[in-house]
N, C-alpha and C. Protein backbone atom coordinates (compact mmCIF):
# COMPACT_ATOMS: atom_id res chain seq x y z
N LEU A 1 115.71 160.97 110.76
CA LEU A 1 115.07 160.43 110.35
C LEU A 1 115.04 159.21 110.45
N THR A 2 114.53 158.29 111.52
CA THR A 2 114.57 156.87 111.53
C THR A 2 113.64 155.98 111.30
N THR A 3 113.77 154.84 111.21
CA THR A 3 112.57 153.90 111.07
C THR A 3 112.97 152.79 111.11
N SER A 4 112.04 151.82 111.79
CA SER A 4 112.28 150.44 112.34
C SER A 4 111.64 149.57 111.48
N HIS A 5 112.58 148.54 110.95
CA HIS A 5 112.08 147.77 110.14
C HIS A 5 111.48 146.71 110.99
N LYS A 6 110.13 146.11 110.79
CA LYS A 6 109.90 145.10 111.63
C LYS A 6 109.21 144.22 110.37
N SER A 7 109.96 142.68 110.27
CA SER A 7 109.59 141.75 109.46
C SER A 7 108.19 141.29 109.88
N ARG A 8 107.55 140.60 108.80
CA ARG A 8 106.30 140.02 109.23
C ARG A 8 106.51 138.56 109.84
N PRO A 9 105.64 138.28 110.66
CA PRO A 9 105.44 136.88 111.18
C PRO A 9 105.47 135.85 110.00
N LEU A 10 105.73 134.64 110.26
CA LEU A 10 105.99 133.46 108.99
C LEU A 10 104.10 133.12 108.90
N SER A 11 103.29 133.55 110.18
CA SER A 11 102.27 133.41 109.77
C SER A 11 101.35 134.15 108.99
N ASP A 12 101.64 135.20 108.53
CA ASP A 12 101.27 136.30 108.24
C ASP A 12 100.97 135.99 106.19
N PRO A 13 99.97 136.24 105.88
CA PRO A 13 99.32 135.79 104.82
C PRO A 13 99.97 136.93 103.86
N ARG A 14 100.35 138.04 103.93
CA ARG A 14 100.87 138.75 103.10
C ARG A 14 102.62 138.87 103.14
N ARG A 15 102.84 138.02 103.77
CA ARG A 15 104.53 137.91 103.76
C ARG A 15 104.84 137.16 102.25
N ARG A 16 105.57 137.80 101.91
CA ARG A 16 106.38 137.32 100.62
C ARG A 16 106.89 136.15 100.46
N ARG A 17 106.31 135.16 99.49
CA ARG A 17 107.20 134.00 99.30
C ARG A 17 108.21 133.64 98.30
N PRO A 18 108.90 133.16 98.10
CA PRO A 18 109.79 133.20 97.14
C PRO A 18 109.11 132.59 96.03
N GLN A 19 109.46 133.09 94.76
CA GLN A 19 108.79 132.26 93.56
C GLN A 19 109.94 131.39 93.29
N PRO A 20 109.18 130.00 92.58
CA PRO A 20 110.49 129.39 91.75
C PRO A 20 110.88 130.03 90.71
N ARG A 21 112.37 129.60 90.57
CA ARG A 21 112.87 129.87 89.04
C ARG A 21 112.61 128.97 88.15
N PRO A 22 112.85 129.39 86.82
CA PRO A 22 112.41 128.41 85.81
C PRO A 22 113.24 127.46 85.61
N HIS A 23 114.73 127.28 86.35
CA HIS A 23 114.99 126.18 86.24
C HIS A 23 115.02 124.86 87.50
N ASP A 24 113.79 125.44 88.35
CA ASP A 24 113.20 124.67 89.13
C ASP A 24 112.30 123.93 88.60
N ALA A 25 111.87 124.51 88.05
CA ALA A 25 110.20 123.82 87.03
C ALA A 25 110.25 122.28 86.93
N ARG A 26 110.00 121.66 87.62
CA ARG A 26 110.23 120.27 87.57
C ARG A 26 108.93 119.42 86.80
N ASP A 27 109.53 118.40 85.85
CA ASP A 27 108.67 117.76 85.20
C ASP A 27 107.71 116.73 86.38
N PRO A 28 106.39 116.83 85.90
CA PRO A 28 105.37 116.41 86.96
C PRO A 28 105.35 114.69 87.21
N SER A 29 106.26 114.34 86.10
CA SER A 29 106.24 112.75 86.25
C SER A 29 107.66 112.52 87.22
N GLY A 30 108.15 113.79 87.65
CA GLY A 30 109.25 113.43 88.20
C GLY A 30 110.23 113.35 87.88
N GLY A 31 110.56 113.32 86.35
CA GLY A 31 111.68 113.29 85.59
C GLY A 31 112.64 114.55 85.66
N MET A 32 113.39 115.09 84.51
CA MET A 32 114.04 115.81 84.64
C MET A 32 113.73 117.29 84.51
N PRO A 33 114.31 118.39 84.85
CA PRO A 33 113.73 119.89 85.21
C PRO A 33 113.36 120.03 83.46
N ARG A 34 112.51 120.88 83.19
CA ARG A 34 111.86 121.31 81.97
C ARG A 34 111.99 122.77 82.06
N GLY A 35 112.10 123.24 80.78
CA GLY A 35 111.74 124.72 80.61
C GLY A 35 110.32 125.29 80.46
N ARG A 36 110.02 126.74 80.81
CA ARG A 36 108.98 127.09 80.90
C ARG A 36 108.18 126.83 79.26
N ASP A 37 108.87 126.78 78.25
CA ASP A 37 108.21 126.48 76.92
C ASP A 37 107.97 125.23 76.73
N GLU A 38 108.69 124.29 77.04
CA GLU A 38 108.45 122.63 77.00
C GLU A 38 107.27 122.47 77.68
N PRO A 39 106.36 121.32 76.70
CA PRO A 39 105.07 121.04 77.06
C PRO A 39 105.57 120.07 78.35
N ALA A 40 104.77 119.46 79.24
CA ALA A 40 104.92 118.66 80.22
C ALA A 40 104.66 117.09 79.63
N THR A 41 105.50 116.06 80.20
CA THR A 41 105.45 115.22 79.67
C THR A 41 104.24 114.34 80.24
N VAL A 42 103.49 113.46 79.47
CA VAL A 42 102.32 112.91 79.63
C VAL A 42 102.68 111.12 79.15
N ARG A 43 102.70 110.21 79.90
CA ARG A 43 102.49 109.14 79.42
C ARG A 43 100.98 108.55 79.45
N VAL A 44 100.62 108.04 78.08
CA VAL A 44 99.14 107.52 78.14
C VAL A 44 99.15 105.81 77.74
N TYR A 45 98.54 105.48 78.64
CA TYR A 45 98.50 104.05 78.16
C TYR A 45 97.15 103.89 77.74
N THR A 46 96.99 102.86 76.58
CA THR A 46 95.45 102.51 75.79
C THR A 46 95.64 101.00 75.61
N VAL A 47 94.08 100.92 75.39
CA VAL A 47 94.04 99.52 75.04
C VAL A 47 94.95 98.72 73.78
N CYS A 48 95.63 99.32 73.21
CA CYS A 48 96.34 99.04 72.05
C CYS A 48 97.77 98.78 72.86
N ASP A 49 98.03 99.29 73.76
CA ASP A 49 99.15 98.91 74.48
C ASP A 49 99.51 97.92 75.44
N GLU A 50 98.20 97.23 75.37
CA GLU A 50 97.85 95.70 76.34
C GLU A 50 98.63 94.88 75.37
N SER A 51 99.00 93.93 76.17
CA SER A 51 99.51 92.39 75.68
C SER A 51 99.36 91.47 76.23
N LYS A 52 99.55 90.33 75.48
CA LYS A 52 99.47 88.97 76.62
C LYS A 52 100.42 88.42 76.77
N TYR A 53 101.81 89.35 76.64
CA TYR A 53 103.03 89.13 77.06
C TYR A 53 103.65 89.73 78.09
N LEU A 54 104.51 88.64 78.90
CA LEU A 54 104.84 89.70 80.14
C LEU A 54 106.48 89.19 80.06
N ILE A 55 107.37 90.40 80.56
CA ILE A 55 108.69 89.89 80.76
C ILE A 55 108.90 90.01 82.27
N VAL A 56 109.35 88.97 83.13
CA VAL A 56 109.65 89.14 84.52
C VAL A 56 111.30 89.40 84.41
N ARG A 57 111.60 90.35 85.63
CA ARG A 57 112.89 90.04 85.57
C ARG A 57 113.28 90.01 87.22
N ASN A 58 114.79 89.85 87.36
CA ASN A 58 115.28 89.42 88.47
C ASN A 58 114.59 88.36 89.04
N VAL A 59 114.50 87.25 88.68
CA VAL A 59 114.35 85.74 88.97
C VAL A 59 115.57 85.29 89.24
N PRO A 60 115.47 84.97 90.81
CA PRO A 60 116.45 84.23 90.87
C PRO A 60 117.10 83.05 89.84
N SER A 61 118.74 82.92 89.69
CA SER A 61 119.37 82.06 89.03
C SER A 61 119.13 80.64 89.56
N LEU A 62 118.24 80.05 90.07
CA LEU A 62 118.24 78.70 90.73
C LEU A 62 117.62 77.98 89.84
N GLY A 63 116.94 78.00 88.59
CA GLY A 63 116.48 76.88 87.88
C GLY A 63 115.00 76.90 88.30
N CYS A 64 114.59 78.10 88.55
CA CYS A 64 112.84 77.64 89.13
C CYS A 64 111.96 78.26 88.21
N GLY A 65 112.24 78.03 86.92
CA GLY A 65 111.26 78.64 85.62
C GLY A 65 110.10 77.77 85.70
N ASP A 66 110.26 76.24 85.91
CA ASP A 66 109.25 75.30 86.07
C ASP A 66 107.98 76.28 87.29
N GLU A 67 108.55 76.45 88.56
CA GLU A 67 107.55 76.98 89.06
C GLU A 67 107.13 78.27 88.99
N LEU A 68 107.95 79.21 87.96
CA LEU A 68 107.45 80.58 87.69
C LEU A 68 106.29 80.20 86.94
N GLY A 69 106.44 79.31 85.82
CA GLY A 69 105.43 79.12 84.99
C GLY A 69 103.89 78.29 85.78
N THR A 70 104.00 77.58 87.11
CA THR A 70 103.12 77.35 87.56
C THR A 70 102.57 78.42 88.29
N LEU A 71 103.10 79.58 88.74
CA LEU A 71 102.63 80.47 89.68
C LEU A 71 101.63 81.20 88.89
N PHE A 72 102.52 81.67 87.54
CA PHE A 72 101.59 82.50 86.38
C PHE A 72 100.60 81.69 85.97
N SER A 73 100.52 80.46 85.81
CA SER A 73 99.36 79.60 85.45
C SER A 73 98.37 79.79 86.28
N SER A 74 98.40 80.28 87.40
CA SER A 74 97.37 80.33 88.33
C SER A 74 96.06 81.58 87.60
N TYR A 75 96.75 82.39 87.07
CA TYR A 75 96.10 83.62 86.31
C TYR A 75 95.56 83.53 85.00
N GLY A 76 95.62 82.08 84.29
CA GLY A 76 95.16 81.64 83.07
C GLY A 76 96.46 80.63 82.36
N PRO A 77 95.83 80.03 81.62
CA PRO A 77 96.57 79.22 80.52
C PRO A 77 97.76 79.99 79.85
N LEU A 78 98.92 79.33 80.13
CA LEU A 78 100.01 79.96 79.36
C LEU A 78 100.54 79.10 77.87
N GLU A 79 100.85 79.60 77.16
CA GLU A 79 101.50 79.34 75.90
C GLU A 79 102.81 79.08 76.12
N GLU A 80 103.67 80.04 76.82
CA GLU A 80 105.29 80.01 77.05
C GLU A 80 105.60 80.41 78.10
N CYS A 81 106.71 79.85 78.41
CA CYS A 81 107.39 80.40 79.85
C CYS A 81 108.72 79.87 79.32
N LYS A 82 109.77 80.83 78.90
CA LYS A 82 111.03 80.42 78.94
C LYS A 82 111.99 81.69 79.46
N PRO A 83 113.20 81.43 79.40
CA PRO A 83 114.10 82.22 80.02
C PRO A 83 114.74 83.01 78.82
N MET A 84 115.16 84.46 78.76
CA MET A 84 115.54 85.27 77.52
C MET A 84 116.86 85.36 77.95
N ASP A 85 117.77 84.48 77.24
CA ASP A 85 119.19 84.35 77.03
C ASP A 85 120.04 86.03 76.89
N ALA A 86 119.06 86.54 75.94
CA ALA A 86 120.05 87.93 74.79
C ALA A 86 119.65 89.07 76.11
N GLU A 87 118.71 88.79 76.91
CA GLU A 87 118.21 90.39 77.76
C GLU A 87 119.43 90.52 78.88
N ASP A 88 119.53 91.68 79.13
CA ASP A 88 120.53 91.88 80.06
C ASP A 88 120.00 92.14 81.89
N CYS A 89 120.56 91.27 82.34
CA CYS A 89 120.13 91.51 83.90
C CYS A 89 121.26 91.21 84.78
N GLU A 90 120.81 91.28 86.36
CA GLU A 90 121.68 91.53 87.32
C GLU A 90 122.44 90.42 87.48
N GLU A 91 123.62 90.44 87.75
CA GLU A 91 124.30 88.77 88.31
C GLU A 91 123.54 87.77 88.80
N TYR A 92 123.25 86.75 88.78
CA TYR A 92 122.39 85.77 89.39
C TYR A 92 121.43 85.86 89.23
N THR A 93 120.95 86.44 88.49
CA THR A 93 119.44 86.55 87.94
C THR A 93 119.06 86.53 86.98
N ASP A 94 117.73 85.85 86.17
CA ASP A 94 117.21 85.48 85.32
C ASP A 94 115.90 86.49 84.92
N VAL A 95 115.75 86.70 83.54
CA VAL A 95 114.62 87.34 83.08
C VAL A 95 113.97 86.25 82.24
N PHE A 96 112.63 85.96 82.63
CA PHE A 96 111.83 85.13 81.85
C PHE A 96 110.72 85.81 80.80
N PHE A 97 110.45 85.31 79.76
CA PHE A 97 109.38 85.66 78.73
C PHE A 97 108.14 84.97 78.96
N ILE A 98 106.97 85.31 79.48
CA ILE A 98 105.79 84.56 79.69
C ILE A 98 104.60 85.02 78.55
N LYS A 99 103.86 84.24 78.05
CA LYS A 99 102.97 84.25 77.13
C LYS A 99 101.63 83.84 77.70
N PHE A 100 100.49 84.27 77.90
CA PHE A 100 99.52 84.26 78.34
C PHE A 100 98.64 83.69 76.64
N SER A 101 97.60 82.62 77.23
CA SER A 101 96.75 82.49 75.62
C SER A 101 95.60 83.49 75.66
N GLN A 102 95.43 84.39 76.60
CA GLN A 102 94.43 85.18 76.17
C GLN A 102 94.79 86.60 76.84
N LEU A 103 94.37 87.55 76.42
CA LEU A 103 95.02 89.11 76.92
C LEU A 103 94.41 89.24 78.25
N SER A 104 93.37 88.88 78.49
CA SER A 104 92.61 88.94 79.74
C SER A 104 93.55 88.38 81.24
N ASN A 105 94.25 87.41 80.96
CA ASN A 105 94.86 86.70 81.58
C ASN A 105 96.00 87.58 82.01
N ALA A 106 96.48 88.13 81.21
CA ALA A 106 97.74 89.12 81.17
C ALA A 106 97.51 90.12 82.16
N ARG A 107 96.33 91.00 82.30
CA ARG A 107 96.06 91.81 83.16
C ARG A 107 96.22 91.89 84.29
């Protein structure tokens, strides 16, 4: 008794596709793999999360804070534009704290 086994062509819809294993389940936000029983990570932003404060990173350490303030003031009046000394940043870059006078200008 001999039988010949022919594999189905790749385009055949009846061809069996490998199912993802549980450890392959990825978080939809692109994070770490999650188990089947863990809920998906969802990040929700609301109006309560909005702020008139901005933190601007990776500004070259060339003393251009005044220019940065002028640039952002084109979106609305600023209350503050100052460097943040306690903030960790890359070498030769600064971090600036910008405070707009109105929330709508910071959007």
